[in-house]
Amino acid sequence: MRWKSCSKTMAVLVVVLGLAAYSAAASETVLYSFQNEADGMGPLAPVLSVDGRLYGTTATGGTHDLGTVFELTLTKSGWVKTTLHNFVGLTDGEKPWAGLDHFS
């Protein structure tokens, strides 16, 4: 008797977890699609949200194909990307795989 009760509980738990995973996946939205190499490519790290704007890095692309720092701003027509920095290599780093951090 205990086995049947346990298996029913497990079945319900699996269904609930499956629905939660489906719900989370279904709620993702693309805010911006990088257009080409000059625009930046390979955003690997999470973005940082500050005052309604999103900040992030791309591991490649940009002026020197060494990555960028970008800002996304929400406008009436959608999210607009501004490149804040193009990495140049030895003097300021290159190909960032990490995101940004907020210091007050």
Protein backbone atom coordinates (compact mmCIF):
# COMPACT_ATOMS: atom_id res chain seq x y z
CA MET A 1 0.00 0.00 0.00
CA ARG A 2 2.79 2.42 0.85
CA TRP A 3 4.43 1.83 -2.55
CA LYS A 4 1.28 2.83 -4.45
CA SER A 5 0.95 6.02 -2.43
CA CYS A 6 4.59 6.87 -3.00
CA SER A 7 4.43 6.19 -6.74
CA LYS A 8 1.33 8.39 -7.10
CA THR A 9 3.08 11.20 -5.24
CA MET A 10 6.14 10.84 -7.47
CA ALA A 11 3.98 10.87 -10.61
CA VAL A 12 2.26 14.07 -9.50
CA LEU A 13 5.62 15.64 -8.63
CA VAL A 14 7.04 14.77 -12.05
CA VAL A 15 4.02 16.32 -13.80
CA VAL A 16 4.22 19.49 -11.68
CA LEU A 17 7.97 19.87 -12.28
CA GLY A 18 7.50 19.24 -15.99
CA LEU A 19 4.82 21.91 -16.22
CA ALA A 20 6.97 24.36 -14.28
CA ALA A 21 9.92 23.75 -16.61
CA TYR A 22 7.68 24.17 -19.67
CA SER A 23 6.23 27.38 -18.26
CA ALA A 24 9.69 28.84 -17.58
CA ALA A 25 10.92 27.94 -21.06
CA ALA A 26 7.80 29.34 -22.71
CA SER A 27 8.29 32.74 -21.05
CA GLU A 28 11.67 33.55 -22.64
CA THR A 29 11.75 36.44 -25.09
CA VAL A 30 14.52 37.58 -27.43
CA LEU A 31 15.16 41.26 -26.72
CA TYR A 32 17.87 41.86 -29.31
CA SER A 33 19.53 39.82 -32.06
CA PHE A 34 23.11 40.70 -32.89
CA GLN A 35 23.23 41.49 -36.60
CA ASN A 36 26.82 40.80 -37.70
CA GLU A 37 30.42 40.63 -36.54
CA ALA A 38 30.76 44.41 -36.22
CA ASP A 39 27.65 44.47 -34.00
CA GLY A 40 29.21 41.99 -31.56
CA MET A 41 28.87 38.23 -31.40
CA GLY A 42 28.68 35.57 -28.73
CA PRO A 43 27.04 37.11 -25.66
CA LEU A 44 27.94 34.35 -23.19
CA ALA A 45 27.40 35.92 -19.76
CA PRO A 46 24.22 37.10 -18.05
CA VAL A 47 23.29 40.74 -18.51
CA LEU A 48 23.30 43.30 -15.70
CA SER A 49 20.17 45.37 -15.11
CA VAL A 50 20.65 48.94 -13.86
CA ASP A 51 17.84 51.52 -13.82
CA GLY A 52 15.85 49.71 -16.51
CA ARG A 53 18.80 49.32 -18.86
CA LEU A 54 20.64 46.08 -19.58
CA TYR A 55 24.43 45.86 -19.85
CA GLY A 56 26.49 42.96 -21.14
CA THR A 57 29.50 41.74 -23.06
CA THR A 58 30.10 39.82 -26.26
CA ALA A 59 33.04 37.43 -26.46
CA THR A 60 33.81 38.26 -30.10
CA GLY A 61 32.86 40.75 -32.74
CA GLY A 62 33.11 44.50 -32.55
CA THR A 63 35.62 46.74 -34.32
CA HIS A 64 38.60 44.44 -33.69
CA ASP A 65 36.72 41.11 -33.34
CA LEU A 66 37.83 40.99 -29.69
CA GLY A 67 34.46 41.58 -28.05
CA THR A 68 32.33 44.47 -26.88
CA VAL A 69 30.52 45.98 -23.92
CA PHE A 70 26.96 46.91 -24.83
CA GLU A 71 23.87 48.58 -23.40
CA LEU A 72 20.25 47.74 -24.24
CA THR A 73 17.68 50.48 -23.71
CA LEU A 74 13.94 50.00 -24.02
CA THR A 75 12.31 52.54 -26.34
CA LYS A 76 8.79 52.83 -27.74
CA SER A 77 9.90 50.80 -30.78
CA GLY A 78 11.69 48.06 -28.79
CA TRP A 79 15.15 47.40 -27.38
CA VAL A 80 18.00 49.42 -28.88
CA LYS A 81 21.65 48.35 -28.52
CA THR A 82 24.49 50.81 -28.07
CA THR A 83 28.09 49.63 -28.15
CA LEU A 84 29.87 51.22 -25.21
CA HIS A 85 33.32 49.71 -25.77
CA ASN A 86 35.20 47.68 -28.37
CA PHE A 87 38.05 45.66 -26.87
CA VAL A 88 41.42 46.17 -28.57
CA GLY A 89 43.55 43.47 -26.97
CA LEU A 90 46.66 43.94 -24.87
CA THR A 91 45.82 47.37 -23.46
CA ASP A 92 42.29 46.64 -22.26
CA GLY A 93 41.66 42.91 -22.55
CA GLU A 94 39.91 40.81 -25.14
CA LYS A 95 37.17 38.24 -25.67
CA PRO A 96 35.35 38.63 -22.35
CA TRP A 97 33.51 35.52 -21.25
CA ALA A 98 32.39 37.11 -18.01
CA GLY A 99 29.63 39.61 -17.47
CA LEU A 100 29.68 42.95 -15.76
CA ASP A 101 29.35 43.72 -12.07
CA HIS A 102 27.60 46.67 -10.46
CA PHE A 103 29.48 48.63 -7.84
CA SER A 104 27.71 51.45 -5.98
